[in-house]
Amino acid sequence: MKKNIGIIGGMGPLATADLFRKIVLMTDARCDQDHPRVLIDSNTNIPDRTAAILSGGENPLPQLAASARTLERAGADVLMMPCNTAHYFYDGVCAATKLPVLHMLRLTADEIDRRGIKTVGLLATDGTIQTGIYEQLFDAHGVTVRKPDAMGQKQIMALIYDGVKAGNAAFDTSAVRKVLDAMLADGVEAFVLGCTELPIAFTDYALPYPVVDPTAVLARAAIEFAGCRIKGE
């Protein structure tokens, strides 16, 4: 019997839609009934995670926990958060529900192992960078992490907030491309898209770089947990 997937979403809405789309596209299905049931709470009341971590902004955990309980009551069997920075509050979310919560960042570290990548470029929000959560996971896997310098990080934040979150289809990516080219020259094999807006950015702005997409990794884990098949396998 298939299990139900619950998505704590709204961080942001496009990133939530991207995860759902990837679950649909990656599922080996010949009819509607072959797909997993997906419950989505696109809770846009969840405060900004980066602001909470870095500058004393409103704590997002109460809203994250509320979404977890809402999805549990609605019949979800497993929960996930398509937001890298929100995983800073992962333990608190787990404490709010009886359901298992997939950990996107740990799954991504496992995927990097599977692909044999030894040096990654971490692209993420200031909040995710400051927590060091990816670096700790990757260090345990023997993976070297390169990050943008201070000016480069500003360009990545602009791509996330002024580009994708703002719905700006005309965002100029020339400065971002210079940052990424410099990181490749520094030995980066693939970029970890450590903010769930970044897979959208790399697609919408046609950024032609090797990547590890945590949203796709999470989608795969969700499909497998639900008891459905992965397309092409």
Protein backbone atom coordinates (compact mmCIF):
# COMPACT_ATOMS: atom_id res chain seq x y z
CA MET A 1 0.00 0.00 0.00
CA LYS A 2 1.34 3.42 -0.93
CA LYS A 3 2.28 5.89 1.79
CA ASN A 4 1.38 9.56 1.77
CA ILE A 5 3.97 12.31 1.35
CA GLY A 6 3.65 15.53 3.36
CA ILE A 7 5.47 18.70 2.26
CA ILE A 8 6.07 21.55 4.70
CA GLY A 9 6.13 24.22 2.02
CA GLY A 10 5.94 27.91 1.33
CA MET A 11 9.72 28.45 1.70
CA GLY A 12 9.18 29.75 -0.96
CA PRO A 13 6.13 28.75 -2.97
CA LEU A 14 8.10 28.17 -6.19
CA ALA A 15 10.56 25.89 -4.40
CA THR A 16 7.59 23.93 -3.04
CA ALA A 17 6.11 23.63 -6.53
CA ASP A 18 9.52 22.54 -7.86
CA LEU A 19 9.67 19.65 -5.38
CA PHE A 20 6.13 18.53 -6.24
CA ARG A 21 6.88 18.75 -9.96
CA LYS A 22 10.02 16.66 -9.54
CA ILE A 23 8.12 14.03 -7.56
CA VAL A 24 5.59 13.80 -10.40
CA LEU A 25 8.17 13.74 -13.20
CA MET A 26 10.50 11.26 -11.47
CA THR A 27 7.77 8.74 -10.65
CA ASP A 28 7.43 5.78 -13.03
CA ALA A 29 3.68 5.98 -13.56
CA ARG A 30 1.37 4.79 -16.34
CA CYS A 31 -1.74 6.36 -14.81
CA ASP A 32 -2.76 8.78 -12.06
CA GLN A 33 -3.07 5.97 -9.54
CA ASP A 34 0.60 5.00 -9.93
CA HIS A 35 1.68 8.34 -8.42
CA PRO A 36 2.07 8.88 -4.67
CA ARG A 37 -0.48 10.94 -2.79
CA VAL A 38 1.12 14.27 -1.89
CA LEU A 39 -0.19 16.62 0.80
CA ILE A 40 1.22 20.17 0.63
CA ASP A 41 0.98 22.94 3.20
CA SER A 42 2.39 25.98 1.40
CA ASN A 43 2.67 27.92 4.64
CA THR A 44 3.88 31.35 3.57
CA ASN A 45 3.49 32.53 7.19
CA ILE A 46 6.75 30.77 8.06
CA PRO A 47 9.20 33.62 8.85
CA ASP A 48 12.42 33.99 6.87
CA ARG A 49 14.89 31.41 8.11
CA THR A 50 18.06 33.35 7.28
CA ALA A 51 16.84 36.43 9.16
CA ALA A 52 16.01 34.29 12.19
CA ILE A 53 19.46 32.70 12.27
CA LEU A 54 21.58 35.76 11.54
CA SER A 55 19.77 38.85 12.78
CA GLY A 56 17.29 37.95 15.48
CA GLY A 57 14.31 37.68 13.14
CA GLU A 58 11.12 35.91 14.14
CA ASN A 59 11.59 32.24 15.01
CA PRO A 60 10.13 30.07 12.21
CA LEU A 61 9.89 26.94 14.37
CA PRO A 62 6.32 27.54 15.68
CA GLN A 63 4.99 27.77 12.11
CA LEU A 64 7.14 24.86 10.92
CA ALA A 65 5.79 22.76 13.80
CA ALA A 66 2.22 23.86 13.05
CA SER A 67 2.59 22.73 9.43
CA ALA A 68 4.03 19.40 10.57
CA ARG A 69 1.02 18.79 12.82
CA THR A 70 -1.41 19.92 10.10
CA LEU A 71 0.05 17.43 7.64
CA GLU A 72 0.10 14.67 10.27
CA ARG A 73 -3.62 15.21 10.96
CA ALA A 74 -4.30 15.24 7.21
CA GLY A 75 -2.87 11.74 6.82
CA ALA A 76 0.78 12.16 5.83
CA ASP A 77 3.11 9.25 6.57
CA VAL A 78 6.37 11.13 6.08
CA LEU A 79 7.34 14.81 6.10
CA MET A 80 9.94 16.87 4.25
CA MET A 81 10.98 20.51 4.00
CA PRO A 82 12.03 21.89 0.59
CA CYS A 83 14.19 24.55 2.26
CA ASN A 84 17.83 23.99 3.13
CA THR A 85 18.04 26.71 5.78
CA ALA A 86 14.97 25.32 7.57
CA HIS A 87 17.02 22.24 8.46
CA TYR A 88 18.69 24.35 11.14
CA PHE A 89 15.36 23.79 12.96
CA TYR A 90 15.11 20.11 11.99
CA ASP A 91 15.22 18.68 15.53
CA GLY A 92 12.44 21.01 16.65
CA VAL A 93 10.25 19.94 13.73
CA CYS A 94 10.87 16.27 14.58
CA ALA A 95 9.86 16.95 18.17
CA ALA A 96 6.54 18.37 16.99
CA THR A 97 5.38 15.25 15.14
CA LYS A 98 5.33 11.49 15.42
CA LEU A 99 6.12 11.18 11.72
CA PRO A 100 9.58 10.62 10.22
CA VAL A 101 11.07 13.74 8.61
CA LEU A 102 13.41 13.24 5.66
CA HIS A 103 16.66 15.21 6.04
CA MET A 104 17.42 16.73 2.63
CA LEU A 105 21.02 17.69 3.48
CA ARG A 106 22.02 14.24 4.74
CA LEU A 107 20.47 12.68 1.65
CA THR A 108 22.48 15.11 -0.49
CA ALA A 109 25.72 14.09 1.22
CA ASP A 110 24.89 10.47 0.44
CA GLU A 111 24.24 11.39 -3.21
CA ILE A 112 27.64 13.09 -3.47
CA ASP A 113 29.22 9.90 -2.12
CA ARG A 114 27.33 7.86 -4.71
CA ARG A 115 28.57 10.08 -7.52
CA GLY A 116 32.18 10.01 -6.29
CA ILE A 117 32.50 13.80 -6.10
CA LYS A 118 35.35 14.98 -3.90
CA THR A 119 35.22 18.80 -4.20
CA VAL A 120 31.95 20.73 -4.26
CA GLY A 121 31.03 24.37 -4.51
CA LEU A 122 28.39 25.24 -1.92
CA LEU A 123 25.82 27.78 -3.09
CA ALA A 124 23.34 28.70 -0.38
CA THR A 125 21.78 31.49 1.66
CA ASP A 126 23.83 33.37 4.22
CA GLY A 127 21.87 31.51 6.89
CA THR A 128 22.77 28.06 5.60
CA ILE A 129 26.40 29.10 5.10
CA GLN A 130 26.65 30.49 8.65
CA THR A 131 25.24 27.36 10.29
CA GLY A 132 28.04 25.25 8.78
CA ILE A 133 25.58 22.35 8.51
CA TYR A 134 26.62 21.30 5.01
CA GLU A 135 30.33 21.59 5.79
CA GLN A 136 29.94 19.32 8.83
CA LEU A 137 28.10 16.70 6.80
CA PHE A 138 30.52 16.86 3.88
CA ASP A 139 33.56 16.74 6.14
CA ALA A 140 32.25 13.49 7.59
CA HIS A 141 32.08 12.15 4.03
CA GLY A 142 35.59 13.35 3.13
CA VAL A 143 34.31 15.97 0.69
CA THR A 144 36.08 19.32 0.29
CA VAL A 145 33.82 22.38 0.27
CA ARG A 146 34.52 25.58 -1.60
CA LYS A 147 32.33 28.64 -0.98
CA PRO A 148 32.05 31.99 -2.78
CA ASP A 149 34.04 34.87 -1.34
CA ALA A 150 32.14 37.72 0.35
CA MET A 151 31.35 39.54 -2.89
CA GLY A 152 30.46 36.29 -4.61
CA GLN A 153 28.09 35.37 -1.78
CA LYS A 154 26.28 38.67 -2.30
CA GLN A 155 25.73 37.70 -5.93
CA ILE A 156 24.30 34.32 -4.92
CA MET A 157 21.94 36.00 -2.44
CA ALA A 158 20.85 38.41 -5.16
CA LEU A 159 20.15 35.49 -7.49
CA ILE A 160 17.98 33.89 -4.80
CA TYR A 161 16.13 36.94 -3.47
CA ASP A 162 16.19 39.48 -6.32
CA GLY A 163 15.91 36.83 -9.02
CA VAL A 164 13.77 33.81 -8.11
CA LYS A 165 11.91 35.01 -5.00
CA ALA A 166 11.12 38.32 -6.69
CA GLY A 167 9.92 36.58 -9.85
CA ASN A 168 12.39 38.58 -11.93
CA ALA A 169 12.74 36.79 -15.27
CA ALA A 170 15.13 39.51 -16.49
CA PHE A 171 17.64 39.11 -13.66
CA ASP A 172 21.19 39.71 -14.96
CA THR A 173 23.29 36.61 -14.19
CA SER A 174 26.59 37.85 -15.63
CA ALA A 175 28.10 38.51 -12.17
CA VAL A 176 26.89 35.12 -10.91
CA ARG A 177 28.52 33.38 -13.87
CA LYS A 178 31.85 35.02 -13.04
CA VAL A 179 31.58 33.69 -9.49
CA LEU A 180 30.82 30.17 -10.69
CA ASP A 181 33.57 30.20 -13.32
CA ALA A 182 36.12 31.25 -10.68
CA MET A 183 35.01 28.40 -8.40
CA LEU A 184 35.36 25.87 -11.21
CA ALA A 185 38.87 27.17 -11.80
CA ASP A 186 39.52 26.57 -8.08
CA GLY A 187 38.83 22.85 -8.49
CA VAL A 188 35.08 22.58 -7.92
CA GLU A 189 33.65 19.49 -9.63
CA ALA A 190 29.96 20.29 -9.08
CA PHE A 191 27.86 22.92 -7.35
CA VAL A 192 25.55 21.94 -4.51
CA LEU A 193 22.39 23.97 -5.02
CA GLY A 194 22.00 24.50 -1.28
CA CYS A 195 18.93 26.74 -1.51
CA THR A 196 15.74 25.37 -3.03
CA GLU A 197 15.37 28.49 -5.19
CA LEU A 198 18.67 27.69 -6.92
CA PRO A 199 17.51 24.70 -9.02
CA ILE A 200 14.82 27.02 -10.36
CA ALA A 201 17.41 29.72 -11.03
CA PHE A 202 19.79 27.37 -12.84
CA THR A 203 16.93 26.21 -15.09
CA ASP A 204 15.18 29.53 -15.68
CA TYR A 205 18.39 31.48 -16.29
CA ALA A 206 20.04 28.63 -18.24
CA LEU A 207 23.16 28.39 -16.09
CA PRO A 208 25.18 25.57 -17.72
CA TYR A 209 27.11 24.17 -14.77
CA PRO A 210 27.48 20.71 -13.18
CA VAL A 211 25.22 20.51 -10.13
CA VAL A 212 23.94 18.36 -7.30
CA ASP A 213 20.27 19.24 -6.80
CA PRO A 214 19.07 18.54 -3.22
CA THR A 215 15.44 19.05 -4.32
CA ALA A 216 15.77 16.20 -6.83
CA VAL A 217 17.51 14.06 -4.20
CA LEU A 218 14.63 14.71 -1.79
CA ALA A 219 12.04 13.94 -4.47
CA ARG A 220 13.68 10.58 -5.11
CA ALA A 221 13.70 9.71 -1.40
CA ALA A 222 10.04 10.70 -1.10
CA ILE A 223 9.00 8.52 -4.03
CA GLU A 224 10.88 5.54 -2.61
CA PHE A 225 9.40 6.07 0.87
CA ALA A 226 5.92 6.18 -0.66
CA GLY A 227 6.50 2.77 -2.23
CA CYS A 228 6.44 3.98 -5.82
CA ARG A 229 8.93 3.36 -8.62
CA ILE A 230 11.61 5.75 -9.91
CA LYS A 231 11.41 6.42 -13.65
CA GLY A 232 14.20 4.71 -15.57
CA GLU A 233 14.97 2.13 -12.89
